[in-house]
C-alpha atoms as a PDB file:
ATOM      1  CA  UNK A   1     -19.796 -14.675  51.993  1.00  0.00           C
ATOM      2  CA  UNK A   2     -16.903 -14.752  54.790  1.00  0.00           C
ATOM      3  CA  UNK A   3     -15.460 -18.031  53.784  1.00  0.00           C
ATOM      4  CA  UNK A   4     -14.716 -19.331  50.366  1.00  0.00           C
ATOM      5  CA  UNK A   5     -13.729 -22.634  49.074  1.00  0.00           C
ATOM      6  CA  UNK A   6     -11.610 -22.863  45.854  1.00  0.00           C
ATOM      7  CA  UNK A   7     -11.421 -26.308  44.958  1.00  0.00           C
ATOM      8  CA  UNK A   8     -13.187 -29.178  43.162  1.00  0.00           C
ATOM      9  CA  UNK A   9     -16.937 -30.405  43.312  1.00  0.00           C
ATOM     10  CA  UNK A  10     -17.055 -34.029  41.793  1.00  0.00           C
ATOM     11  CA  UNK A  11     -18.621 -37.369  42.074  1.00  0.00           C
ATOM     12  CA  UNK A  12     -16.709 -39.810  43.712  1.00  0.00           C
ATOM     13  CA  UNK A  13     -16.810 -43.586  43.181  1.00  0.00           C
ATOM     14  CA  UNK A  14     -15.023 -44.915  46.099  1.00  0.00           C
ATOM     15  CA  UNK A  15     -13.592 -48.652  46.111  1.00  0.00           C
ATOM     16  CA  UNK A  16     -12.232 -50.017  49.237  1.00  0.00           C
ATOM     17  CA  UNK A  17      -9.418 -52.440  49.608  1.00  0.00           C
ATOM     18  CA  UNK A  18     -11.844 -55.155  50.985  1.00  0.00           C
ATOM     19  CA  UNK A  19     -13.646 -54.817  47.443  1.00  0.00           C
ATOM     20  CA  UNK A  20     -16.667 -52.862  48.702  1.00  0.00           C
ATOM     21  CA  UNK A  21     -17.513 -50.069  46.460  1.00  0.00           C
ATOM     22  CA  UNK A  22     -19.607 -47.033  47.173  1.00  0.00           C
ATOM     23  CA  UNK A  23     -20.677 -45.413  43.706  1.00  0.00           C
ATOM     24  CA  UNK A  24     -21.857 -41.866  43.055  1.00  0.00           C
ATOM     25  CA  UNK A  25     -21.313 -39.653  45.926  1.00  0.00           C
ATOM     26  CA  UNK A  26     -20.638 -36.205  46.321  1.00  0.00           C
ATOM     27  CA  UNK A  27     -16.684 -35.696  46.282  1.00  0.00           C
ATOM     28  CA  UNK A  28     -13.831 -33.482  45.528  1.00  0.00           C
ATOM     29  CA  UNK A  29     -11.538 -31.618  48.103  1.00  0.00           C
ATOM     30  CA  UNK A  30     -13.796 -28.627  47.489  1.00  0.00           C
ATOM     31  CA  UNK A  31     -17.072 -30.203  49.065  1.00  0.00           C
ATOM     32  CA  UNK A  32     -15.280 -31.717  52.086  1.00  0.00           C
ATOM     33  CA  UNK A  33     -13.563 -28.484  52.894  1.00  0.00           C
ATOM     34  CA  UNK A  34     -17.033 -26.791  52.423  1.00  0.00           C
ATOM     35  CA  UNK A  35     -18.402 -29.168  54.893  1.00  0.00           C
ATOM     36  CA  UNK A  36     -15.731 -28.615  57.473  1.00  0.00           C
ATOM     37  CA  UNK A  37     -16.320 -24.878  57.269  1.00  0.00           C
ATOM     38  CA  UNK A  38     -20.179 -25.179  57.455  1.00  0.00           C
ATOM     39  CA  UNK A  39     -19.877 -26.940  60.888  1.00  0.00           C
ATOM     40  CA  UNK A  40     -18.581 -23.525  62.159  1.00  0.00           C
ATOM     41  CA  UNK A  41     -20.143 -20.744  59.792  1.00  0.00           C
ATOM     42  CA  UNK A  42     -23.470 -20.531  57.846  1.00  0.00           C
ATOM     43  CA  UNK A  43     -21.584 -17.999  55.583  1.00  0.00           C
ATOM     44  CA  UNK A  44     -19.697 -20.406  53.355  1.00  0.00           C
ATOM     45  CA  UNK A  45     -19.531 -20.771  49.409  1.00  0.00           C
ATOM     46  CA  UNK A  46     -17.750 -22.987  47.221  1.00  0.00           C
ATOM     47  CA  UNK A  47     -16.364 -21.511  43.998  1.00  0.00           C
ATOM     48  CA  UNK A  48     -15.616 -23.909  41.273  1.00  0.00           C
ATOM     49  CA  UNK A  49     -16.331 -25.356  37.971  1.00  0.00           C
ATOM     50  CA  UNK A  50     -19.124 -28.056  37.479  1.00  0.00           C
ATOM     51  CA  UNK A  51     -20.900 -29.743  34.997  1.00  0.00           C
ATOM     52  CA  UNK A  52     -24.341 -28.718  33.645  1.00  0.00           C
ATOM     53  CA  UNK A  53     -25.817 -31.938  35.671  1.00  0.00           C
ATOM     54  CA  UNK A  54     -24.458 -31.113  38.934  1.00  0.00           C
ATOM     55  CA  UNK A  55     -27.505 -29.048  40.241  1.00  0.00           C
ATOM     56  CA  UNK A  56     -29.753 -31.837  39.207  1.00  0.00           C
ATOM     57  CA  UNK A  57     -27.760 -34.409  40.922  1.00  0.00           C
ATOM     58  CA  UNK A  58     -26.695 -32.437  44.272  1.00  0.00           C
ATOM     59  CA  UNK A  59     -28.877 -29.558  44.234  1.00  0.00           C
ATOM     60  CA  UNK A  60     -31.142 -30.981  47.094  1.00  0.00           C
ATOM     61  CA  UNK A  61     -28.046 -31.482  49.312  1.00  0.00           C
ATOM     62  CA  UNK A  62     -27.181 -27.919  49.020  1.00  0.00           C
ATOM     63  CA  UNK A  63     -30.807 -26.827  49.632  1.00  0.00           C
ATOM     64  CA  UNK A  64     -31.069 -28.998  52.622  1.00  0.00           C
ATOM     65  CA  UNK A  65     -28.247 -27.472  54.235  1.00  0.00           C
ATOM     66  CA  UNK A  66     -28.755 -23.898  53.410  1.00  0.00           C
ATOM     67  CA  UNK A  67     -25.645 -23.601  51.279  1.00  0.00           C
ATOM     68  CA  UNK A  68     -25.620 -21.314  47.905  1.00  0.00           C
ATOM     69  CA  UNK A  69     -24.706 -22.686  44.750  1.00  0.00           C
ATOM     70  CA  UNK A  70     -24.041 -19.233  43.003  1.00  0.00           C
ATOM     71  CA  UNK A  71     -20.292 -19.904  43.246  1.00  0.00           C
ATOM     72  CA  UNK A  72     -20.802 -23.014  40.868  1.00  0.00           C
ATOM     73  CA  UNK A  73     -19.676 -22.219  37.260  1.00  0.00           C
ATOM     74  CA  UNK A  74     -20.994 -24.609  34.318  1.00  0.00           C
ATOM     75  CA  UNK A  75     -17.940 -25.382  32.367  1.00  0.00           C
ATOM     76  CA  UNK A  76     -18.817 -28.697  30.744  1.00  0.00           C
ATOM     77  CA  UNK A  77     -22.059 -30.874  30.187  1.00  0.00           C
ATOM     78  CA  UNK A  78     -20.603 -33.479  32.749  1.00  0.00           C
ATOM     79  CA  UNK A  79     -19.478 -32.857  36.237  1.00  0.00           C
ATOM     80  CA  UNK A  80     -15.916 -34.834  36.754  1.00  0.00           C
ATOM     81  CA  UNK A  81     -16.246 -38.422  37.969  1.00  0.00           C
ATOM     82  CA  UNK A  82     -13.241 -39.578  40.026  1.00  0.00           C
ATOM     83  CA  UNK A  83     -12.486 -43.112  40.887  1.00  0.00           C
ATOM     84  CA  UNK A  84     -10.762 -43.357  44.192  1.00  0.00           C
ATOM     85  CA  UNK A  85      -8.998 -46.817  44.908  1.00  0.00           C
ATOM     86  CA  UNK A  86      -7.777 -47.407  48.587  1.00  0.00           C
ATOM     87  CA  UNK A  87      -5.277 -50.077  49.390  1.00  0.00           C
ATOM     88  CA  UNK A  88      -4.531 -51.968  52.454  1.00  0.00           C
ATOM     89  CA  UNK A  89      -1.648 -49.707  53.532  1.00  0.00           C
ATOM     90  CA  UNK A  90      -4.198 -46.880  53.620  1.00  0.00           C
ATOM     91  CA  UNK A  91      -2.810 -45.136  50.556  1.00  0.00           C
ATOM     92  CA  UNK A  92      -5.003 -44.380  47.496  1.00  0.00           C
ATOM     93  CA  UNK A  93      -5.258 -43.400  43.980  1.00  0.00           C
ATOM     94  CA  UNK A  94      -7.375 -40.989  42.073  1.00  0.00           C
ATOM     95  CA  UNK A  95      -8.410 -41.491  38.572  1.00  0.00           C
ATOM     96  CA  UNK A  96     -10.635 -39.101  36.593  1.00  0.00           C
ATOM     97  CA  UNK A  97     -13.019 -41.006  34.556  1.00  0.00           C
ATOM     98  CA  UNK A  98     -13.672 -38.530  31.688  1.00  0.00           C
ATOM     99  CA  UNK A  99      -9.647 -37.853  31.638  1.00  0.00           C
ATOM    100  CA  UNK A 100      -7.120 -35.145  32.940  1.00  0.00           C
ATOM    101  CA  UNK A 101      -8.133 -32.728  30.211  1.00  0.00           C
ATOM    102  CA  UNK A 102     -11.661 -32.627  31.244  1.00  0.00           C
ATOM    103  CA  UNK A 103     -10.788 -32.217  35.002  1.00  0.00           C
ATOM    104  CA  UNK A 104      -8.748 -29.473  34.354  1.00  0.00           C
ATOM    105  CA  UNK A 105     -11.175 -27.778  32.150  1.00  0.00           C
ATOM    106  CA  UNK A 106     -13.542 -27.627  35.056  1.00  0.00           C
ATOM    107  CA  UNK A 107     -10.939 -26.283  37.459  1.00  0.00           C
ATOM    108  CA  UNK A 108     -11.365 -22.751  39.239  1.00  0.00           C
ATOM    109  CA  UNK A 109      -9.066 -19.995  37.665  1.00  0.00           C
ATOM    110  CA  UNK A 110      -7.831 -17.068  39.538  1.00  0.00           C
ATOM    111  CA  UNK A 111      -9.885 -14.707  37.154  1.00  0.00           C
ATOM    112  CA  UNK A 112     -12.919 -16.780  38.683  1.00  0.00           C
ATOM    113  CA  UNK A 113     -11.640 -15.977  42.215  1.00  0.00           C
ATOM    114  CA  UNK A 114     -10.945 -12.290  41.817  1.00  0.00           C
ATOM    115  CA  UNK A 115     -14.275 -10.908  43.234  1.00  0.00           C
ATOM    116  CA  UNK A 116     -13.999 -12.905  46.282  1.00  0.00           C
ATOM    117  CA  UNK A 117     -10.682 -11.108  47.413  1.00  0.00           C
ATOM    118  CA  UNK A 118     -12.212  -8.007  48.066  1.00  0.00           C
ATOM    119  CA  UNK A 119     -15.307  -9.422  50.347  1.00  0.00           C
ATOM    120  CA  UNK A 120     -14.406 -12.419  52.192  1.00  0.00           C
ATOM    121  CA  UNK A 121     -12.541 -13.043  55.409  1.00  0.00           C
ATOM    122  CA  UNK A 122     -10.915 -16.427  54.343  1.00  0.00           C
ATOM    123  CA  UNK A 123     -10.255 -18.178  51.150  1.00  0.00           C
ATOM    124  CA  UNK A 124      -9.330 -21.852  51.168  1.00  0.00           C
ATOM    125  CA  UNK A 125      -7.347 -22.928  48.081  1.00  0.00           C
ATOM    126  CA  UNK A 126      -6.482 -26.483  47.051  1.00  0.00           C
ATOM    127  CA  UNK A 127      -3.752 -26.584  44.449  1.00  0.00           C
ATOM    128  CA  UNK A 128      -0.389 -27.442  43.360  1.00  0.00           C
ATOM    129  CA  UNK A 129       2.411 -25.166  42.825  1.00  0.00           C
ATOM    130  CA  UNK A 130       1.284 -23.950  39.430  1.00  0.00           C
ATOM    131  CA  UNK A 131       3.404 -20.617  38.526  1.00  0.00           C
ATOM    132  CA  UNK A 132       0.830 -19.162  36.274  1.00  0.00           C
ATOM    133  CA  UNK A 133      -1.967 -19.712  38.942  1.00  0.00           C
ATOM    134  CA  UNK A 134      -0.135 -18.498  41.938  1.00  0.00           C
ATOM    135  CA  UNK A 135       1.347 -15.631  40.251  1.00  0.00           C
ATOM    136  CA  UNK A 136      -2.118 -14.180  39.696  1.00  0.00           C
ATOM    137  CA  UNK A 137      -3.297 -15.110  43.138  1.00  0.00           C
ATOM    138  CA  UNK A 138      -0.513 -13.451  44.795  1.00  0.00           C
ATOM    139  CA  UNK A 139      -1.145 -10.402  43.141  1.00  0.00           C
ATOM    140  CA  UNK A 140      -4.753 -10.312  44.356  1.00  0.00           C
ATOM    141  CA  UNK A 141      -3.661 -11.269  47.682  1.00  0.00           C
ATOM    142  CA  UNK A 142      -1.617  -7.876  47.901  1.00  0.00           C
ATOM    143  CA  UNK A 143      -4.819  -5.825  47.813  1.00  0.00           C
ATOM    144  CA  UNK A 144      -6.876  -8.154  49.926  1.00  0.00           C
ATOM    145  CA  UNK A 145      -7.462  -8.507  53.668  1.00  0.00           C
ATOM    146  CA  UNK A 146      -8.644 -11.966  53.129  1.00  0.00           C
ATOM    147  CA  UNK A 147      -6.699 -14.733  54.899  1.00  0.00           C
ATOM    148  CA  UNK A 148      -5.718 -17.455  52.519  1.00  0.00           C
ATOM    149  CA  UNK A 149      -5.221 -21.058  53.275  1.00  0.00           C
ATOM    150  CA  UNK A 150      -3.103 -23.148  50.947  1.00  0.00           C
ATOM    151  CA  UNK A 151      -3.831 -26.918  51.197  1.00  0.00           C
ATOM    152  CA  UNK A 152      -0.887 -28.251  49.144  1.00  0.00           C
ATOM    153  CA  UNK A 153      -1.664 -30.957  46.488  1.00  0.00           C
ATOM    154  CA  UNK A 154       0.335 -34.088  46.506  1.00  0.00           C
ATOM    155  CA  UNK A 155       1.902 -33.549  43.148  1.00  0.00           C
ATOM    156  CA  UNK A 156       3.720 -30.246  44.561  1.00  0.00           C
ATOM    157  CA  UNK A 157       5.240 -32.235  47.434  1.00  0.00           C
ATOM    158  CA  UNK A 158       8.741 -33.253  46.219  1.00  0.00           C
ATOM    159  CA  UNK A 159      12.154 -32.253  47.387  1.00  0.00           C
ATOM    160  CA  UNK A 160      12.701 -30.420  44.090  1.00  0.00           C
ATOM    161  CA  UNK A 161       9.734 -27.995  44.568  1.00  0.00           C
ATOM    162  CA  UNK A 162      10.812 -27.162  48.238  1.00  0.00           C
ATOM    163  CA  UNK A 163      12.161 -23.762  47.277  1.00  0.00           C
ATOM    164  CA  UNK A 164       9.109 -22.758  44.937  1.00  0.00           C
ATOM    165  CA  UNK A 165       6.519 -23.901  47.575  1.00  0.00           C
ATOM    166  CA  UNK A 166       8.211 -22.185  50.245  1.00  0.00           C
ATOM    167  CA  UNK A 167       8.152 -18.845  48.241  1.00  0.00           C
ATOM    168  CA  UNK A 168       4.650 -19.184  47.578  1.00  0.00           C
ATOM    169  CA  UNK A 169       3.735 -20.129  51.159  1.00  0.00           C
ATOM    170  CA  UNK A 170       5.585 -17.191  52.553  1.00  0.00           C
ATOM    171  CA  UNK A 171       3.268 -14.874  50.749  1.00  0.00           C
ATOM    172  CA  UNK A 172       0.138 -16.610  52.295  1.00  0.00           C
ATOM    173  CA  UNK A 173      -1.342 -17.089  55.722  1.00  0.00           C
ATOM    174  CA  UNK A 174      -1.795 -20.921  56.321  1.00  0.00           C
ATOM    175  CA  UNK A 175      -0.288 -23.852  54.867  1.00  0.00           C
ATOM    176  CA  UNK A 176      -1.954 -27.201  55.209  1.00  0.00           C
ATOM    177  CA  UNK A 177       0.028 -30.398  54.392  1.00  0.00           C
ATOM    178  CA  UNK A 178      -0.195 -34.032  55.822  1.00  0.00           C
ATOM    179  CA  UNK A 179       2.858 -35.800  57.359  1.00  0.00           C
ATOM    180  CA  UNK A 180       3.767 -37.871  54.289  1.00  0.00           C
ATOM    181  CA  UNK A 181       3.680 -34.973  52.088  1.00  0.00           C
ATOM    182  CA  UNK A 182       5.893 -32.980  54.509  1.00  0.00           C
ATOM    183  CA  UNK A 183       8.374 -35.562  54.631  1.00  0.00           C
ATOM    184  CA  UNK A 184       8.377 -35.834  50.738  1.00  0.00           C
ATOM    185  CA  UNK A 185       8.590 -31.851  50.208  1.00  0.00           C
ATOM    186  CA  UNK A 186      11.194 -31.217  53.021  1.00  0.00           C
ATOM    187  CA  UNK A 187      13.485 -34.562  52.597  1.00  0.00           C
ATOM    188  CA  UNK A 188      13.154 -35.206  56.398  1.00  0.00           C
ATOM    189  CA  UNK A 189      11.945 -38.046  58.317  1.00  0.00           C
ATOM    190  CA  UNK A 190      11.782 -37.118  62.011  1.00  0.00           C
ATOM    191  CA  UNK A 191       8.838 -35.086  63.007  1.00  0.00           C
ATOM    192  CA  UNK A 192      10.974 -32.928  65.150  1.00  0.00           C
ATOM    193  CA  UNK A 193      12.840 -31.940  62.275  1.00  0.00           C
ATOM    194  CA  UNK A 194       9.854 -31.199  60.285  1.00  0.00           C
ATOM    195  CA  UNK A 195       8.458 -28.737  62.766  1.00  0.00           C
ATOM    196  CA  UNK A 196      11.647 -27.093  63.102  1.00  0.00           C
ATOM    197  CA  UNK A 197      11.989 -26.550  59.379  1.00  0.00           C
ATOM    198  CA  UNK A 198       8.437 -25.218  59.118  1.00  0.00           C
ATOM    199  CA  UNK A 199       8.950 -22.763  61.776  1.00  0.00           C
ATOM    200  CA  UNK A 200      12.098 -21.453  59.998  1.00  0.00           C
ATOM    201  CA  UNK A 201       9.671 -20.566  57.396  1.00  0.00           C
ATOM    202  CA  UNK A 202       7.863 -17.832  59.528  1.00  0.00           C
ATOM    203  CA  UNK A 203       4.381 -18.536  58.193  1.00  0.00           C
ATOM    204  CA  UNK A 204       1.520 -17.646  60.468  1.00  0.00           C
ATOM    205  CA  UNK A 205       0.338 -21.052  60.986  1.00  0.00           C
ATOM    206  CA  UNK A 206       1.287 -24.353  59.409  1.00  0.00           C
ATOM    207  CA  UNK A 207      -1.370 -27.178  59.770  1.00  0.00           C
ATOM    208  CA  UNK A 208       0.624 -30.480  59.827  1.00  0.00           C
ATOM    209  CA  UNK A 209      -1.952 -33.170  59.465  1.00  0.00           C
ATOM    210  CA  UNK A 210      -1.307 -36.670  61.054  1.00  0.00           C
ATOM    211  CA  UNK A 211      -4.594 -38.478  60.293  1.00  0.00           C
ATOM    212  CA  UNK A 212      -5.570 -40.603  63.051  1.00  0.00           C
ATOM    213  CA  UNK A 213      -2.933 -39.122  65.414  1.00  0.00           C
ATOM    214  CA  UNK A 214      -4.260 -35.631  65.140  1.00  0.00           C
ATOM    215  CA  UNK A 215      -2.108 -32.578  63.877  1.00  0.00           C
ATOM    216  CA  UNK A 216       0.412 -30.131  64.819  1.00  0.00           C
ATOM    217  CA  UNK A 217      -0.116 -26.531  64.878  1.00  0.00           C
ATOM    218  CA  UNK A 218       3.053 -24.803  64.023  1.00  0.00           C
ATOM    219  CA  UNK A 219       4.076 -21.151  64.438  1.00  0.00           C
ATOM    220  CA  UNK A 220       7.433 -19.754  64.202  1.00  0.00           C
ATOM    221  CA  UNK A 221       7.212 -19.547  68.301  1.00  0.00           C
ATOM    222  CA  UNK A 222       5.459 -22.804  69.198  1.00  0.00           C
ATOM    223  CA  UNK A 223       4.215 -26.232  67.743  1.00  0.00           C
ATOM    224  CA  UNK A 224       1.122 -27.633  69.661  1.00  0.00           C
ATOM    225  CA  UNK A 225      -0.149 -31.317  69.257  1.00  0.00           C
ATOM    226  CA  UNK A 226      -4.060 -31.691  68.806  1.00  0.00           C
ATOM    227  CA  UNK A 227      -5.424 -35.166  68.933  1.00  0.00           C
ATOM    228  CA  UNK A 228      -7.918 -36.630  66.726  1.00  0.00           C
ATOM    229  CA  UNK A 229     -11.522 -37.110  68.110  1.00  0.00           C
ATOM    230  CA  UNK A 230     -11.556 -40.584  70.096  1.00  0.00           C
ATOM    231  CA  UNK A 231     -14.042 -43.171  69.712  1.00  0.00           C
ATOM    232  CA  UNK A 232     -14.914 -42.383  65.862  1.00  0.00           C
ATOM    233  CA  UNK A 233     -15.838 -45.269  63.888  1.00  0.00           C
ATOM    234  CA  UNK A 234     -14.253 -44.566  60.514  1.00  0.00           C
ATOM    235  CA  UNK A 235     -16.584 -45.383  57.634  1.00  0.00           C
ATOM    236  CA  UNK A 236     -14.787 -43.536  54.664  1.00  0.00           C
ATOM    237  CA  UNK A 237     -11.516 -41.617  55.390  1.00  0.00           C
ATOM    238  CA  UNK A 238     -11.957 -39.604  52.215  1.00  0.00           C
ATOM    239  CA  UNK A 239     -12.224 -35.902  52.976  1.00  0.00           C
ATOM    240  CA  UNK A 240     -10.816 -35.758  56.360  1.00  0.00           C
ATOM    241  CA  UNK A 241      -7.828 -33.706  55.659  1.00  0.00           C
ATOM    242  CA  UNK A 242      -9.775 -31.126  53.567  1.00  0.00           C
ATOM    243  CA  UNK A 243     -12.840 -30.951  55.957  1.00  0.00           C
ATOM    244  CA  UNK A 244     -10.426 -30.212  59.116  1.00  0.00           C
ATOM    245  CA  UNK A 245      -8.392 -27.624  56.757  1.00  0.00           C
ATOM    246  CA  UNK A 246     -11.749 -25.768  56.063  1.00  0.00           C
ATOM    247  CA  UNK A 247     -12.531 -25.826  59.854  1.00  0.00           C
ATOM    248  CA  UNK A 248      -8.805 -24.549  60.990  1.00  0.00           C
ATOM    249  CA  UNK A 249      -9.219 -21.530  58.494  1.00  0.00           C
ATOM    250  CA  UNK A 250     -12.769 -20.563  59.839  1.00  0.00           C
ATOM    251  CA  UNK A 251     -11.063 -20.884  63.372  1.00  0.00           C
ATOM    252  CA  UNK A 252      -8.122 -18.768  62.467  1.00  0.00           C
ATOM    253  CA  UNK A 253     -10.480 -15.997  61.073  1.00  0.00           C
ATOM    254  CA  UNK A 254     -12.715 -16.015  64.067  1.00  0.00           C
ATOM    255  CA  UNK A 255      -9.681 -15.286  66.419  1.00  0.00           C
ATOM    256  CA  UNK A 256      -9.109 -18.925  67.868  1.00  0.00           C
ATOM    257  CA  UNK A 257      -5.785 -19.850  69.161  1.00  0.00           C
ATOM    258  CA  UNK A 258      -3.927 -22.465  66.974  1.00  0.00           C
ATOM    259  CA  UNK A 259      -4.943 -25.287  69.491  1.00  0.00           C
ATOM    260  CA  UNK A 260      -8.583 -24.411  69.495  1.00  0.00           C
ATOM    261  CA  UNK A 261      -8.396 -24.324  65.519  1.00  0.00           C
ATOM    262  CA  UNK A 262      -6.762 -27.807  65.633  1.00  0.00           C
ATOM    263  CA  UNK A 263      -9.438 -29.058  67.718  1.00  0.00           C
ATOM    264  CA  UNK A 264     -12.221 -27.522  65.582  1.00  0.00           C
ATOM    265  CA  UNK A 265     -10.396 -29.432  62.637  1.00  0.00           C
ATOM    266  CA  UNK A 266     -10.523 -32.642  64.412  1.00  0.00           C
ATOM    267  CA  UNK A 267     -14.177 -32.225  65.158  1.00  0.00           C
ATOM    268  CA  UNK A 268     -15.178 -31.367  61.375  1.00  0.00           C
ATOM    269  CA  UNK A 269     -13.020 -34.525  60.175  1.00  0.00           C
ATOM    270  CA  UNK A 270     -14.847 -36.582  62.572  1.00  0.00           C
ATOM    271  CA  UNK A 271     -18.151 -35.627  61.098  1.00  0.00           C
ATOM    272  CA  UNK A 272     -16.790 -36.344  57.647  1.00  0.00           C
ATOM    273  CA  UNK A 273     -15.376 -39.710  58.256  1.00  0.00           C
ATOM    274  CA  UNK A 274     -18.345 -41.140  60.149  1.00  0.00           C
ATOM    275  CA  UNK A 275     -20.270 -42.008  56.942  1.00  0.00           C
ATOM    276  CA  UNK A 276     -19.702 -42.556  53.216  1.00  0.00           C
ATOM    277  CA  UNK A 277     -19.377 -39.503  51.147  1.00  0.00           C
ATOM    278  CA  UNK A 278     -20.267 -36.078  52.628  1.00  0.00           C
ATOM    279  CA  UNK A 279     -22.750 -35.705  55.771  1.00  0.00           C
ATOM    280  CA  UNK A 280     -26.104 -35.716  54.727  1.00  0.00           C
ATOM    281  CA  UNK A 281     -27.155 -32.913  57.174  1.00  0.00           C
ATOM    282  CA  UNK A 282     -24.902 -29.859  58.515  1.00  0.00           C
ATOM    283  CA  UNK A 283     -27.537 -27.817  60.320  1.00  0.00           C
ATOM    284  CA  UNK A 284     -28.134 -25.986  63.478  1.00  0.00           C
ATOM    285  CA  UNK A 285     -28.204 -29.213  65.397  1.00  0.00           C
ATOM    286  CA  UNK A 286     -24.884 -30.261  64.124  1.00  0.00           C
ATOM    287  CA  UNK A 287     -23.242 -26.891  64.754  1.00  0.00           C
ATOM    288  CA  UNK A 288     -24.556 -26.599  68.343  1.00  0.00           C
ATOM    289  CA  UNK A 289     -23.186 -30.299  68.842  1.00  0.00           C
ATOM    290  CA  UNK A 290     -19.879 -29.296  67.512  1.00  0.00           C
ATOM    291  CA  UNK A 291     -19.558 -26.173  69.783  1.00  0.00           C
ATOM    292  CA  UNK A 292     -20.586 -28.467  72.867  1.00  0.00           C
ATOM    293  CA  UNK A 293     -17.597 -30.770  71.840  1.00  0.00           C
ATOM    294  CA  UNK A 294     -15.253 -27.797  71.406  1.00  0.00           C
ATOM    295  CA  UNK A 295     -16.236 -26.448  74.918  1.00  0.00           C
ATOM    296  CA  UNK A 296     -15.857 -30.063  76.613  1.00  0.00           C
ATOM    297  CA  UNK A 297     -12.302 -30.491  75.052  1.00  0.00           C
ATOM    298  CA  UNK A 298     -10.154 -30.484  78.280  1.00  0.00           C
ATOM    299  CA  UNK A 299      -6.749 -32.075  77.894  1.00  0.00           C
ATOM    300  CA  UNK A 300      -7.171 -31.797  74.120  1.00  0.00           C
ATOM    301  CA  UNK A 301      -9.486 -34.845  74.055  1.00  0.00           C
ATOM    302  CA  UNK A 302     -13.083 -34.989  72.650  1.00  0.00           C
END
């Protein structure tokens, strides 16, 4: 497969601030990143641990959309179940129903990912700054031509971890981070200061996500503002950042400019936040519509 997602596939129970609850939908950063990629490529694979019950619950969705399940490794009887609670200010908490130890048991390991470094074009990894994990991944990266995107987990975004995060990111290709996380990681408030700091890191690309305000595509020499898609009715914001990150990785590997990559991210995010949970269909019709939108995005609007 060309594009690999290394992150979680779980069941989400989403509770909104208005009291509405959506129960038992496919979730996890991994499956949303997978959706974002699938809009731009059929050669996508999710590599992660799942429960023995996962295929029975979600297998039909994978089959409907022509997505292989061969990267899913059964590591427990039960698939993780996460309760996502949204608050009025837009913030949220995520609580693993079966506890943190069960969730950790299911997670993908560097050893699980090793085969993909020799054959894939791009690998998306959602992770904190775990030294044990990254030491092994970075060794694999040395011998691989695969482009690696790190979507940094929230628990690694504090000023005390800045040096370590920069050390890891400097040996990868793309860093995906949202504005709230960037402020916490860098100890900076103003967007222009954050952009300047990231430019000093000399990464190939930083995908600085701004939610409804779009994103900033940062390279050492430029910073390009890319808007979100307009006119999108947000039903469920879960997975917007993950899906856009997956799309940006695809775009980068396909040779698109930073601005084009950002637009691809905006289109994938719009698809994912327009319904509860993951999109039911990501097939040829949806892919053709995404390409049409990309081509028509004059003045960075869609």
